[in-house]
Amino acid sequence: MQEPAVVSQMWAAFDAHRGEIARQVLDTSGQTEAESLAALCDGLAEGRFRLA
Protein backbone atom coordinates (compact mmCIF):
# COMPACT_ATOMS: atom_id res chain seq x y z
CA MET A 1 0.00 0.00 0.00
CA GLN A 2 1.46 3.26 -1.04
CA GLU A 3 -1.58 5.50 -1.31
CA PRO A 4 -1.89 7.57 1.88
CA ALA A 5 -5.66 7.97 1.41
CA VAL A 6 -6.16 4.20 1.23
CA VAL A 7 -4.04 3.59 4.32
CA SER A 8 -5.88 6.34 6.20
CA GLN A 9 -9.24 4.85 5.27
CA MET A 10 -8.14 1.36 6.36
CA TRP A 11 -6.81 2.73 9.65
CA ALA A 12 -10.06 4.60 10.33
CA ALA A 13 -12.08 1.41 9.75
CA PHE A 14 -9.78 -0.57 12.03
CA ASP A 15 -9.71 2.12 14.72
CA ALA A 16 -13.51 2.33 14.78
CA HIS A 17 -13.68 -1.32 15.90
CA ARG A 18 -10.50 -1.52 17.97
CA GLY A 19 -12.30 -2.03 21.29
CA GLU A 20 -14.19 -5.01 19.88
CA ILE A 21 -11.05 -6.71 18.59
CA ALA A 22 -8.49 -5.63 21.17
CA ARG A 23 -8.01 -9.20 22.38
CA GLN A 24 -7.01 -10.32 18.88
CA VAL A 25 -4.50 -7.52 18.31
CA LEU A 26 -0.84 -8.42 18.63
CA ASP A 27 1.36 -5.35 18.87
CA THR A 28 4.74 -6.31 17.47
CA SER A 29 6.22 -2.81 17.57
CA GLY A 30 9.85 -3.02 18.58
CA GLN A 31 9.95 -6.81 18.44
CA THR A 32 12.22 -8.93 16.34
CA GLU A 33 10.73 -11.46 13.95
CA ALA A 34 11.54 -14.24 16.43
CA GLU A 35 9.88 -12.36 19.31
CA SER A 36 6.76 -11.72 17.22
CA LEU A 37 6.58 -15.37 16.24
CA ALA A 38 6.95 -16.46 19.87
CA ALA A 39 4.20 -14.07 20.98
CA LEU A 40 1.93 -15.35 18.21
CA CYS A 41 2.57 -18.99 19.12
CA ASP A 42 1.94 -18.26 22.81
CA GLY A 43 -1.31 -16.48 21.99
CA LEU A 44 -2.49 -19.32 19.78
CA ALA A 45 -1.68 -21.89 22.47
CA GLU A 46 -3.64 -19.83 25.04
CA GLY A 47 -6.64 -19.46 22.71
CA ARG A 48 -6.20 -15.68 22.72
CA PHE A 49 -7.11 -15.28 19.06
CA ARG A 50 -10.31 -17.36 19.07
CA LEU A 51 -13.35 -15.59 17.76
CA ALA A 52 -16.57 -16.14 19.66
PDB file of N, CA and C in Angstrom:
ATOM      1  N   MET A   1       0.835  -1.173   0.000  1.00  0.00           N
ATOM      2  CA  MET A   1       0.000   0.000   0.000  1.00  0.00           C
ATOM      3  C   MET A   1       0.883   1.240   0.000  1.00  0.00           C
ATOM      4  N   GLN A   2       0.671   2.049  -0.971  1.00  0.00           N
ATOM      5  CA  GLN A   2       1.461   3.264  -1.040  1.00  0.00           C
ATOM      6  C   GLN A   2       0.607   4.524  -1.116  1.00  0.00           C
ATOM      7  N   GLU A   3      -0.686   4.345  -1.234  1.00  0.00           N
ATOM      8  CA  GLU A   3      -1.576   5.500  -1.309  1.00  0.00           C
ATOM      9  C   GLU A   3      -1.979   5.933   0.099  1.00  0.00           C
ATOM     10  N   PRO A   4      -1.559   7.102   0.531  1.00  0.00           N
ATOM     11  CA  PRO A   4      -1.892   7.568   1.878  1.00  0.00           C
ATOM     12  C   PRO A   4      -3.392   7.575   2.164  1.00  0.00           C
ATOM     13  N   ALA A   5      -4.210   7.918   1.194  1.00  0.00           N
ATOM     14  CA  ALA A   5      -5.658   7.967   1.409  1.00  0.00           C
ATOM     15  C   ALA A   5      -6.214   6.577   1.700  1.00  0.00           C
ATOM     16  N   VAL A   6      -5.698   5.565   1.013  1.00  0.00           N
ATOM     17  CA  VAL A   6      -6.158   4.198   1.229  1.00  0.00           C
ATOM     18  C   VAL A   6      -5.752   3.723   2.624  1.00  0.00           C
ATOM     19  N   VAL A   7      -4.521   3.984   2.998  1.00  0.00           N
ATOM     20  CA  VAL A   7      -4.038   3.591   4.319  1.00  0.00           C
ATOM     21  C   VAL A   7      -4.830   4.311   5.406  1.00  0.00           C
ATOM     22  N   SER A   8      -5.093   5.575   5.221  1.00  0.00           N
ATOM     23  CA  SER A   8      -5.879   6.345   6.196  1.00  0.00           C
ATOM     24  C   SER A   8      -7.286   5.781   6.338  1.00  0.00           C
ATOM     25  N   GLN A   9      -7.893   5.405   5.235  1.00  0.00           N
ATOM     26  CA  GLN A   9      -9.242   4.847   5.269  1.00  0.00           C
ATOM     27  C   GLN A   9      -9.233   3.484   5.977  1.00  0.00           C
ATOM     28  N   MET A  10      -8.236   2.663   5.697  1.00  0.00           N
ATOM     29  CA  MET A  10      -8.137   1.355   6.358  1.00  0.00           C
ATOM     30  C   MET A  10      -7.921   1.537   7.858  1.00  0.00           C
ATOM     31  N   TRP A  11      -7.066   2.486   8.231  1.00  0.00           N
ATOM     32  CA  TRP A  11      -6.814   2.726   9.650  1.00  0.00           C
ATOM     33  C   TRP A  11      -8.082   3.199  10.351  1.00  0.00           C
ATOM     34  N   ALA A  12      -8.826   4.082   9.725  1.00  0.00           N
ATOM     35  CA  ALA A  12     -10.058   4.597  10.326  1.00  0.00           C
ATOM     36  C   ALA A  12     -11.048   3.459  10.546  1.00  0.00           C
ATOM     37  N   ALA A  13     -11.167   2.541   9.592  1.00  0.00           N
ATOM     38  CA  ALA A  13     -12.078   1.408   9.748  1.00  0.00           C
ATOM     39  C   ALA A  13     -11.621   0.497  10.877  1.00  0.00           C
ATOM     40  N   PHE A  14     -10.326   0.244  10.954  1.00  0.00           N
ATOM     41  CA  PHE A  14      -9.783  -0.574  12.034  1.00  0.00           C
ATOM     42  C   PHE A  14      -9.983   0.106  13.380  1.00  0.00           C
ATOM     43  N   ASP A  15      -9.647   1.372  13.457  1.00  0.00           N
ATOM     44  CA  ASP A  15      -9.707   2.118  14.715  1.00  0.00           C
ATOM     45  C   ASP A  15     -11.132   2.201  15.253  1.00  0.00           C
ATOM     46  N   ALA A  16     -12.116   2.250  14.364  1.00  0.00           N
ATOM     47  CA  ALA A  16     -13.510   2.331  14.779  1.00  0.00           C
ATOM     48  C   ALA A  16     -13.951   1.076  15.533  1.00  0.00           C
ATOM     49  N   HIS A  17     -13.290  -0.048  15.283  1.00  0.00           N
ATOM     50  CA  HIS A  17     -13.676  -1.320  15.896  1.00  0.00           C
ATOM     51  C   HIS A  17     -12.611  -1.859  16.843  1.00  0.00           C
ATOM     52  N   ARG A  18     -11.639  -1.050  17.177  1.00  0.00           N
ATOM     53  CA  ARG A  18     -10.502  -1.524  17.966  1.00  0.00           C
ATOM     54  C   ARG A  18     -10.923  -2.125  19.306  1.00  0.00           C
ATOM     55  N   GLY A  19     -11.864  -1.508  19.993  1.00  0.00           N
ATOM     56  CA  GLY A  19     -12.301  -2.029  21.286  1.00  0.00           C
ATOM     57  C   GLY A  19     -12.871  -3.432  21.182  1.00  0.00           C
ATOM     58  N   GLU A  20     -13.568  -3.707  20.086  1.00  0.00           N
ATOM     59  CA  GLU A  20     -14.185  -5.009  19.876  1.00  0.00           C
ATOM     60  C   GLU A  20     -13.157  -6.095  19.589  1.00  0.00           C
ATOM     61  N   ILE A  21     -12.036  -5.713  19.014  1.00  0.00           N
ATOM     62  CA  ILE A  21     -11.054  -6.715  18.592  1.00  0.00           C
ATOM     63  C   ILE A  21      -9.743  -6.624  19.361  1.00  0.00           C
ATOM     64  N   ALA A  22      -9.735  -5.861  20.435  1.00  0.00           N
ATOM     65  CA  ALA A  22      -8.489  -5.627  21.166  1.00  0.00           C
ATOM     66  C   ALA A  22      -7.809  -6.926  21.587  1.00  0.00           C
ATOM     67  N   ARG A  23      -8.585  -7.925  21.935  1.00  0.00           N
ATOM     68  CA  ARG A  23      -8.013  -9.203  22.382  1.00  0.00           C
ATOM     69  C   ARG A  23      -7.247  -9.901  21.244  1.00  0.00           C
ATOM     70  N   GLN A  24      -7.654  -9.666  20.011  1.00  0.00           N
ATOM     71  CA  GLN A  24      -7.014 -10.323  18.881  1.00  0.00           C
ATOM     72  C   GLN A  24      -5.822  -9.545  18.316  1.00  0.00           C
ATOM     73  N   VAL A  25      -5.585  -8.345  18.817  1.00  0.00           N
ATOM     74  CA  VAL A  25      -4.499  -7.522  18.306  1.00  0.00           C
ATOM     75  C   VAL A  25      -3.181  -7.933  18.948  1.00  0.00           C
ATOM     76  N   LEU A  26      -2.176  -8.077  18.141  1.00  0.00           N
ATOM     77  CA  LEU A  26      -0.845  -8.420  18.628  1.00  0.00           C
ATOM     78  C   LEU A  26       0.099  -7.299  18.209  1.00  0.00           C
ATOM     79  N   ASP A  27       0.476  -6.476  19.152  1.00  0.00           N
ATOM     80  CA  ASP A  27       1.364  -5.351  18.873  1.00  0.00           C
ATOM     81  C   ASP A  27       2.797  -5.865  18.813  1.00  0.00           C
ATOM     82  N   THR A  28       3.375  -5.814  17.646  1.00  0.00           N
ATOM     83  CA  THR A  28       4.741  -6.309  17.465  1.00  0.00           C
ATOM     84  C   THR A  28       5.746  -5.170  17.316  1.00  0.00           C
ATOM     85  N   SER A  29       5.325  -3.967  17.651  1.00  0.00           N
ATOM     86  CA  SER A  29       6.221  -2.811  17.567  1.00  0.00           C
ATOM     87  C   SER A  29       7.457  -3.062  18.425  1.00  0.00           C
ATOM     88  N   GLY A  30       8.603  -2.877  17.842  1.00  0.00           N
ATOM     89  CA  GLY A  30       9.852  -3.017  18.578  1.00  0.00           C
ATOM     90  C   GLY A  30      10.298  -4.448  18.803  1.00  0.00           C
ATOM     91  N   GLN A  31       9.556  -5.416  18.275  1.00  0.00           N
ATOM     92  CA  GLN A  31       9.946  -6.815  18.440  1.00  0.00           C
ATOM     93  C   GLN A  31      10.715  -7.296  17.221  1.00  0.00           C
ATOM     94  N   THR A  32      11.562  -8.271  17.466  1.00  0.00           N
ATOM     95  CA  THR A  32      12.222  -8.929  16.344  1.00  0.00           C
ATOM     96  C   THR A  32      11.234  -9.917  15.731  1.00  0.00           C
ATOM     97  N   GLU A  33      11.582 -10.453  14.587  1.00  0.00           N
ATOM     98  CA  GLU A  33      10.730 -11.462  13.948  1.00  0.00           C
ATOM     99  C   GLU A  33      10.546 -12.666  14.877  1.00  0.00           C
ATOM    100  N   ALA A  34      11.604 -13.084  15.526  1.00  0.00           N
ATOM    101  CA  ALA A  34      11.541 -14.235  16.435  1.00  0.00           C
ATOM    102  C   ALA A  34      10.644 -13.937  17.642  1.00  0.00           C
ATOM    103  N   GLU A  35      10.727 -12.740  18.174  1.00  0.00           N
ATOM    104  CA  GLU A  35       9.884 -12.358  19.308  1.00  0.00           C
ATOM    105  C   GLU A  35       8.410 -12.311  18.907  1.00  0.00           C
ATOM    106  N   SER A  36       8.138 -11.783  17.723  1.00  0.00           N
ATOM    107  CA  SER A  36       6.762 -11.722  17.225  1.00  0.00           C
ATOM    108  C   SER A  36       6.212 -13.127  17.023  1.00  0.00           C
ATOM    109  N   LEU A  37       7.002 -13.997  16.456  1.00  0.00           N
ATOM    110  CA  LEU A  37       6.581 -15.374  16.240  1.00  0.00           C
ATOM    111  C   LEU A  37       6.294 -16.065  17.572  1.00  0.00           C
ATOM    112  N   ALA A  38       7.152 -15.859  18.556  1.00  0.00           N
ATOM    113  CA  ALA A  38       6.952 -16.465  19.872  1.00  0.00           C
ATOM    114  C   ALA A  38       5.669 -15.942  20.514  1.00  0.00           C
ATOM    115  N   ALA A  39       5.413 -14.653  20.415  1.00  0.00           N
ATOM    116  CA  ALA A  39       4.196 -14.069  20.977  1.00  0.00           C
ATOM    117  C   ALA A  39       2.960 -14.620  20.274  1.00  0.00           C
ATOM    118  N   LEU A  40       3.041 -14.784  18.966  1.00  0.00           N
ATOM    119  CA  LEU A  40       1.934 -15.350  18.208  1.00  0.00           C
ATOM    120  C   LEU A  40       1.677 -16.797  18.624  1.00  0.00           C
ATOM    121  N   CYS A  41       2.722 -17.586  18.722  1.00  0.00           N
ATOM    122  CA  CYS A  41       2.572 -18.990  19.124  1.00  0.00           C
ATOM    123  C   CYS A  41       2.000 -19.101  20.532  1.00  0.00           C
ATOM    124  N   ASP A  42       2.463 -18.264  21.444  1.00  0.00           N
ATOM    125  CA  ASP A  42       1.937 -18.260  22.812  1.00  0.00           C
ATOM    126  C   ASP A  42       0.445 -17.908  22.808  1.00  0.00           C
ATOM    127  N   GLY A  43       0.086 -16.888  22.056  1.00  0.00           N
ATOM    128  CA  GLY A  43      -1.314 -16.476  21.986  1.00  0.00           C
ATOM    129  C   GLY A  43      -2.201 -17.556  21.394  1.00  0.00           C
ATOM    130  N   LEU A  44      -1.715 -18.234  20.372  1.00  0.00           N
ATOM    131  CA  LEU A  44      -2.487 -19.325  19.780  1.00  0.00           C
ATOM    132  C   LEU A  44      -2.669 -20.463  20.777  1.00  0.00           C
ATOM    133  N   ALA A  45      -1.606 -20.810  21.490  1.00  0.00           N
ATOM    134  CA  ALA A  45      -1.678 -21.889  22.474  1.00  0.00           C
ATOM    135  C   ALA A  45      -2.643 -21.552  23.612  1.00  0.00           C
ATOM    136  N   GLU A  46      -2.745 -20.283  23.963  1.00  0.00           N
ATOM    137  CA  GLU A  46      -3.637 -19.830  25.042  1.00  0.00           C
ATOM    138  C   GLU A  46      -5.073 -19.613  24.569  1.00  0.00           C
ATOM    139  N   GLY A  47      -5.297 -19.704  23.254  1.00  0.00           N
ATOM    140  CA  GLY A  47      -6.638 -19.456  22.713  1.00  0.00           C
ATOM    141  C   GLY A  47      -6.977 -17.987  22.630  1.00  0.00           C
ATOM    142  N   ARG A  48      -5.983 -17.140  22.703  1.00  0.00           N
ATOM    143  CA  ARG A  48      -6.201 -15.682  22.724  1.00  0.00           C
ATOM    144  C   ARG A  48      -6.869 -15.169  21.446  1.00  0.00           C
ATOM    145  N   PHE A  49      -6.625 -15.807  20.331  1.00  0.00           N
ATOM    146  CA  PHE A  49      -7.105 -15.280  19.058  1.00  0.00           C
ATOM    147  C   PHE A  49      -8.406 -15.932  18.575  1.00  0.00           C
ATOM    148  N   ARG A  50      -9.036 -16.723  19.445  1.00  0.00           N
ATOM    149  CA  ARG A  50     -10.306 -17.361  19.072  1.00  0.00           C
ATOM    150  C   ARG A  50     -11.404 -16.298  18.954  1.00  0.00           C
ATOM    151  N   LEU A  51     -12.206 -16.473  17.949  1.00  0.00           N
ATOM    152  CA  LEU A  51     -13.352 -15.588  17.759  1.00  0.00           C
ATOM    153  C   LEU A  51     -14.580 -16.283  18.320  1.00  0.00           C
ATOM    154  N   ALA A  52     -15.377 -15.545  19.032  1.00  0.00           N
ATOM    155  CA  ALA A  52     -16.567 -16.140  19.662  1.00  0.00           C
ATOM    156  C   ALA A  52     -17.683 -16.304  18.652  1.00  0.00           C
TER     157      ALA A  52
END
